[in-house]
Protein backbone atom coordinates (compact mmCIF):
# COMPACT_ATOMS: atom_id res chain seq x y z
CA MET A 1 40.07 -125.35 -95.14
CA SER A 2 36.90 -127.27 -94.90
CA TYR A 3 36.12 -130.99 -94.92
CA HIS A 4 32.82 -133.01 -95.62
CA ARG A 5 31.60 -135.59 -93.75
CA THR A 6 33.72 -138.05 -96.03
CA GLY A 7 37.02 -136.60 -94.77
CA ARG A 8 37.72 -135.31 -98.53
CA HIS A 9 39.41 -132.13 -99.14
CA THR A 10 37.45 -129.90 -100.95
CA ALA A 11 38.76 -126.87 -102.90
CA PRO A 12 37.23 -123.19 -101.79
CA PRO A 13 34.84 -121.26 -103.91
CA ARG A 14 37.81 -119.09 -104.96
CA ARG A 15 40.13 -121.90 -106.30
CA ARG A 16 36.84 -123.61 -107.90
CA SER A 17 36.28 -120.54 -109.80
CA MET A 18 39.78 -120.33 -111.14
CA LEU A 19 39.57 -123.82 -112.17
CA ARG A 20 36.50 -123.10 -114.43
CA LEU A 21 38.20 -120.42 -116.25
CA LEU A 22 41.31 -122.54 -116.63
CA LEU A 23 39.25 -125.59 -118.12
CA PRO A 24 38.52 -124.22 -121.77
CA GLY A 25 42.28 -123.19 -121.84
CA ILE A 26 43.39 -126.64 -120.84
CA THR A 27 41.08 -128.31 -123.67
CA ALA A 28 42.16 -126.32 -126.26
CA LEU A 29 45.97 -126.99 -125.46
CA VAL A 30 44.93 -130.48 -125.72
CA LEU A 31 43.28 -130.33 -128.92
CA GLY A 32 45.77 -128.08 -130.13
CA THR A 33 48.37 -130.60 -129.25
CA ALA A 34 46.58 -133.48 -131.12
CA LEU A 35 46.52 -131.17 -134.23
CA GLN A 36 49.85 -129.73 -133.58
CA GLY A 37 50.92 -131.09 -137.05
CA CYS A 38 48.28 -128.71 -139.09
CA PHE A 39 49.04 -125.57 -137.22
CA ILE A 40 52.57 -125.89 -137.88
CA VAL A 41 52.20 -126.12 -141.33
CA ARG A 42 49.32 -123.75 -141.66
CA PRO A 43 51.43 -120.44 -141.50
CA PHE A 44 53.62 -121.83 -144.32
CA ALA A 45 50.16 -122.09 -146.06
CA GLY A 46 49.15 -118.90 -145.80
CA ALA A 47 46.64 -118.90 -142.82
CA ASP A 48 47.12 -115.28 -141.85
CA VAL A 49 45.88 -114.10 -145.80
CA ASN A 50 42.17 -112.72 -145.49
CA ILE A 51 39.92 -112.61 -148.03
CA ALA A 52 40.38 -109.09 -148.69
CA GLN A 53 44.01 -109.76 -149.24
CA LEU A 54 43.61 -112.48 -151.54
CA GLN A 55 41.21 -110.32 -153.80
CA LYS A 56 43.88 -107.55 -153.86
CA ALA A 57 46.44 -110.11 -154.74
CA ARG A 58 44.39 -111.71 -157.65
CA GLU A 59 43.68 -107.93 -158.97
CA ALA A 60 47.52 -107.36 -159.27
CA THR A 61 48.13 -110.77 -160.52
CA VAL A 62 45.45 -110.40 -163.33
CA LEU A 63 46.67 -106.69 -164.05
CA GLN A 64 50.22 -108.45 -164.28
CA VAL A 65 49.19 -110.51 -166.94
CA ARG A 66 47.26 -107.99 -168.75
CA LEU A 67 50.41 -105.69 -168.95
CA ASN A 68 52.63 -108.64 -170.25
CA GLY A 69 49.98 -109.28 -172.76
CA ALA A 70 49.92 -105.82 -173.84
CA ARG A 71 53.66 -105.44 -174.12
CA ARG A 72 53.88 -108.91 -176.68
CA LEU A 73 51.32 -107.12 -178.74
CA SER A 74 52.79 -103.94 -178.95
CA ASP A 75 56.29 -105.47 -180.09
CA ARG A 76 54.34 -107.46 -182.28
CA MET A 77 52.49 -104.52 -184.08
CA ALA A 78 55.82 -102.58 -184.40
CA ASN A 79 57.85 -105.17 -186.13
CA GLY A 80 56.76 -104.03 -189.62
CA ASP A 81 54.86 -107.67 -190.60
CA PRO A 82 51.05 -106.73 -191.71
CA VAL A 83 48.66 -108.57 -189.85
CA GLU A 84 47.05 -109.25 -192.96
CA ASN A 85 49.87 -111.30 -194.48
CA ALA A 86 48.30 -114.29 -194.29
CA ASP A 87 46.38 -116.63 -197.03
CA MET A 88 43.30 -115.96 -194.98
CA THR A 89 42.04 -114.19 -191.70
CA PHE A 90 39.24 -114.12 -189.42
CA SER A 91 37.99 -112.02 -186.64
CA PHE A 92 36.05 -113.13 -183.72
CA SER A 93 33.99 -110.86 -181.24
CA GLU A 94 34.09 -111.02 -177.37
CA ALA A 95 30.36 -112.03 -177.33
CA LEU A 96 31.17 -114.85 -179.59
CA LEU A 97 33.93 -116.35 -177.32
CA ASN A 98 31.53 -115.84 -174.60
CA LYS A 99 28.92 -117.91 -176.26
CA ALA A 100 31.22 -120.87 -177.06
CA ALA A 101 32.54 -120.92 -173.37
CA SER A 102 29.04 -120.92 -171.98
CA GLN A 103 29.11 -124.40 -173.22
CA LEU A 104 30.96 -125.28 -170.07
CA ASP A 105 28.70 -123.82 -167.84
CA SER A 106 27.24 -126.42 -165.11
CA THR A 107 29.95 -128.95 -166.04
CA ASN A 108 30.72 -131.22 -163.20
CA GLY A 109 33.74 -133.82 -162.69
CA TRP A 110 36.75 -134.86 -160.50
CA LEU A 111 40.15 -133.85 -159.76
CA ASP A 112 40.56 -137.05 -158.33
CA SER A 113 38.71 -139.82 -156.32
CA LEU A 114 38.01 -137.57 -153.27
CA THR A 115 37.41 -134.36 -154.78
CA SER A 116 34.43 -133.21 -157.38
CA TYR A 117 34.04 -129.79 -159.05
CA SER A 118 31.28 -127.94 -160.65
CA ILE A 119 31.56 -124.87 -162.84
CA LYS A 120 29.04 -122.43 -162.28
CA SER A 121 29.64 -119.98 -165.03
CA ILE A 122 32.72 -118.80 -167.25
CA ARG A 123 33.24 -115.34 -168.61
CA VAL A 124 35.86 -114.31 -171.29
CA LYS A 125 37.11 -110.48 -171.04
CA LEU A 126 39.46 -109.77 -174.38
CA TYR A 127 42.29 -107.21 -173.33
CA ASN A 128 44.67 -105.93 -175.59
CA GLY A 129 47.06 -108.55 -175.90
CA SER A 130 45.44 -111.38 -173.64
CA ALA A 131 42.32 -113.28 -173.38
CA ILE A 132 41.40 -114.08 -169.79
CA ALA A 133 38.52 -116.52 -168.64
CA THR A 134 37.38 -116.18 -165.35
CA ILE A 135 35.51 -119.39 -163.73
CA ALA A 136 33.18 -119.33 -160.91
CA MET A 137 33.30 -122.95 -159.51
CA THR A 138 32.84 -125.00 -156.60
CA ALA A 139 35.02 -127.85 -155.70
CA HIS A 140 34.02 -130.49 -152.90
CA SER A 141 36.33 -132.03 -150.71
CA HIS A 142 34.36 -135.45 -149.96
CA GLN A 143 37.07 -136.60 -147.52
CA TYR A 144 36.57 -133.80 -145.24
CA ASN A 145 33.01 -132.75 -146.30
CA VAL A 146 34.09 -129.03 -147.17
CA LYS A 147 32.91 -127.45 -150.12
CA VAL A 148 35.21 -124.59 -151.57
CA ASN A 149 33.96 -121.50 -153.57
CA VAL A 150 36.35 -120.48 -156.20
CA LEU A 151 37.11 -117.94 -158.59
CA MET A 152 39.86 -119.07 -160.78
CA ASP A 153 41.51 -116.79 -163.62
CA CYS A 154 42.72 -118.50 -167.01
CA LEU A 155 44.55 -117.58 -170.02
CA LEU A 156 42.95 -118.77 -173.28
CA ALA A 157 45.30 -120.68 -175.42
CA PHE A 158 43.99 -121.06 -179.14
CA SER A 159 44.80 -123.76 -181.56
CA VAL A 160 43.70 -125.63 -184.75
CA ASP A 161 43.59 -129.41 -184.47
CA SER A 162 42.20 -131.35 -187.22
CA GLY A 163 40.36 -127.98 -188.55
CA ALA A 164 38.73 -127.31 -185.06
CA PHE A 165 39.27 -124.32 -183.70
CA SER A 166 39.49 -124.26 -179.85
CA ALA A 167 40.86 -123.11 -176.75
CA THR A 168 42.18 -124.48 -173.79
CA LEU A 169 41.89 -122.95 -170.17
CA GLU A 170 45.71 -122.31 -168.50
CA PRO A 171 44.82 -121.61 -164.60
CA PHE A 172 47.41 -118.70 -163.31
CA ASN A 173 44.91 -117.53 -160.04
CA VAL A 174 42.74 -118.98 -157.83
CA VAL A 175 41.12 -117.38 -154.99
CA PRO A 176 39.28 -119.84 -152.76
CA ASN A 177 36.94 -119.16 -150.15
CA VAL A 178 36.23 -121.94 -147.53
CA LYS A 179 33.67 -122.25 -144.79
CA ALA A 180 33.68 -125.26 -142.21
CA LYS A 181 31.78 -125.86 -139.07
CA GLY A 182 32.92 -127.50 -135.83
CA ILE A 183 36.27 -128.90 -135.50
CA THR A 184 36.64 -129.13 -138.95
CA ALA A 185 36.69 -125.23 -139.14
CA ALA A 186 40.02 -125.44 -137.54
CA LEU A 187 41.61 -127.35 -140.45
CA GLU A 188 39.75 -124.87 -142.82
CA GLY A 189 42.91 -123.31 -144.02
CA ILE A 190 44.87 -126.75 -144.79
CA ILE A 191 41.88 -127.89 -146.57
CA GLN A 192 41.51 -124.77 -148.52
CA ASP A 193 45.52 -125.39 -149.83
CA VAL A 194 44.68 -128.51 -150.49
CA VAL A 195 41.86 -128.32 -152.74
CA THR A 196 43.47 -124.96 -154.22
CA ALA A 197 46.82 -127.32 -155.24
CA LYS A 198 44.58 -129.46 -156.94
CA LEU A 199 42.64 -127.23 -158.76
CA SER A 200 45.68 -125.76 -160.36
CA THR A 201 45.93 -128.62 -162.67
CA ILE A 202 42.28 -128.29 -163.44
CA SER A 203 43.28 -127.71 -166.99
CA ASP A 204 44.16 -131.48 -167.53
CA ASN A 205 40.20 -132.40 -166.74
CA LEU A 206 38.60 -129.30 -168.44
CA PRO A 207 37.53 -129.96 -172.03
CA PRO A 208 38.78 -127.48 -174.33
CA ILE A 209 36.61 -124.48 -175.65
CA ARG A 210 35.64 -125.31 -178.96
CA PHE A 211 34.11 -122.82 -181.56
CA PRO A 212 31.68 -123.09 -184.14
CA VAL A 213 34.10 -122.73 -187.36
CA ASP A 214 35.47 -125.64 -189.25
CA PHE A 215 38.79 -124.80 -190.83
CA THR A 216 38.98 -128.51 -193.05
CA ASN A 217 37.06 -127.22 -196.06
CA GLN A 218 36.06 -128.79 -199.46
CA PHE A 219 34.46 -127.43 -202.19
CA PRO A 220 32.91 -129.00 -205.47
CA VAL A 221 34.46 -127.95 -208.62
CA GLN A 222 31.95 -128.40 -211.97
CA ALA A 223 32.97 -130.54 -214.70
CA SER A 224 33.66 -127.81 -217.90
CA SER A 225 34.71 -128.26 -221.58
CA VAL A 226 36.81 -125.43 -223.47
CA ARG A 227 37.01 -125.61 -227.15
CA ILE A 228 39.88 -123.57 -228.63
CA ARG A 229 39.91 -122.89 -232.35
CA THR A 230 42.82 -120.23 -232.48
CA GLY A 231 45.97 -121.59 -233.62
CA LEU A 232 45.57 -125.00 -232.16
CA ASN A 233 42.71 -127.02 -232.93
CA MET A 234 41.72 -128.71 -229.71
CA ASN A 235 38.96 -129.35 -226.90
CA ILE A 236 39.71 -129.30 -223.08
CA SER A 237 37.67 -130.82 -220.73
CA THR A 238 37.85 -130.90 -216.90
CA PRO A 239 35.86 -133.71 -214.73
CA ALA A 240 34.04 -132.64 -211.98
CA HIS A 241 36.14 -133.10 -209.06
CA THR A 242 36.36 -132.01 -205.11
CA LEU A 243 39.13 -129.51 -204.09
CA GLN A 244 39.89 -130.13 -200.19
CA TYR A 245 41.98 -127.80 -198.59
CA SER A 246 43.31 -127.39 -194.76
CA LEU A 247 44.44 -124.36 -192.70
CA GLU A 248 47.16 -123.96 -190.21
CA LEU A 249 47.02 -121.41 -187.66
CA LYS A 250 49.86 -118.64 -188.37
CA GLU A 251 48.99 -116.52 -185.29
CA VAL A 252 46.48 -115.09 -182.92
CA LEU A 253 46.37 -111.59 -181.97
CA ILE A 254 44.10 -110.24 -179.02
CA PHE A 255 42.78 -106.65 -179.10
CA LYS A 256 40.20 -105.28 -177.13
CA GLU A 257 36.64 -106.90 -177.73
CA ARG A 258 37.92 -108.78 -180.91
CA LEU A 259 40.00 -111.72 -181.51
CA PHE A 260 42.22 -111.51 -185.09
CA VAL A 261 43.16 -115.08 -186.49
CA ALA A 262 45.24 -115.35 -189.49
CA MET A 263 45.72 -118.66 -191.34
CA ASN A 264 47.79 -120.19 -194.12
CA VAL A 265 46.95 -122.78 -196.53
CA LYS A 266 48.51 -125.79 -195.32
CA HIS A 267 47.37 -128.66 -197.87
CA ALA A 268 45.27 -128.61 -201.01
CA GLY A 269 44.66 -131.15 -203.51
CA VAL A 270 42.04 -132.92 -205.42
CA ALA A 271 39.94 -135.49 -203.64
CA LYS A 272 40.07 -138.94 -205.01
């Protein structure tokens, strides 16, 4: 044991080396204690799932959705009711759906006061029984200053409202990839889960995809006059008028690369 001139006790070189080795561990322990709540929650939130596993899970989910849709389509085609059994039928190509969906490219919005989002692109794919839109987007948590790049898979739900044919996006799968730096990196899993949970309700914020088709129709009927001289002697005159009608959605059948829409006449009458 050695002493400085001040009389203080000084650790030998070997002990000082051990202290230097233990210091990072002690610091980490203190930091871990400060963030204890986060690290308790994280294992239940999926911290140990890597990106490759998330991607495989996403593929499995999409395949299951496609399988369920194909089964429903098979049951519909086997029930004996011809698909043409409607007042009017329409067919839309996959290319038209993608053109309509592109109107949401570069759309920006807010999930809440602290989380904004930006849609980079939307790609619609038609399968037998299902229409799936894959959205590439970025969500930004302003609270933590962290951006989350996201692939979000959505089912398209088609409807006709006031004559407009549109589709709403219903998310069923969200795969985030968050990257953070510094101390925030220790919390990136938590932030990822928070943002993902908020994205699951994004359908409430997204505008519907509107197709360039109007199913509220009217057309003019020209005035006419008919003279009858056989049996009865009369003249029948019909003034010019406008015939109006609207259509209601009977069913939507989704085939590979083609969307089949059946409509029935809902209202028909002469405009006053």
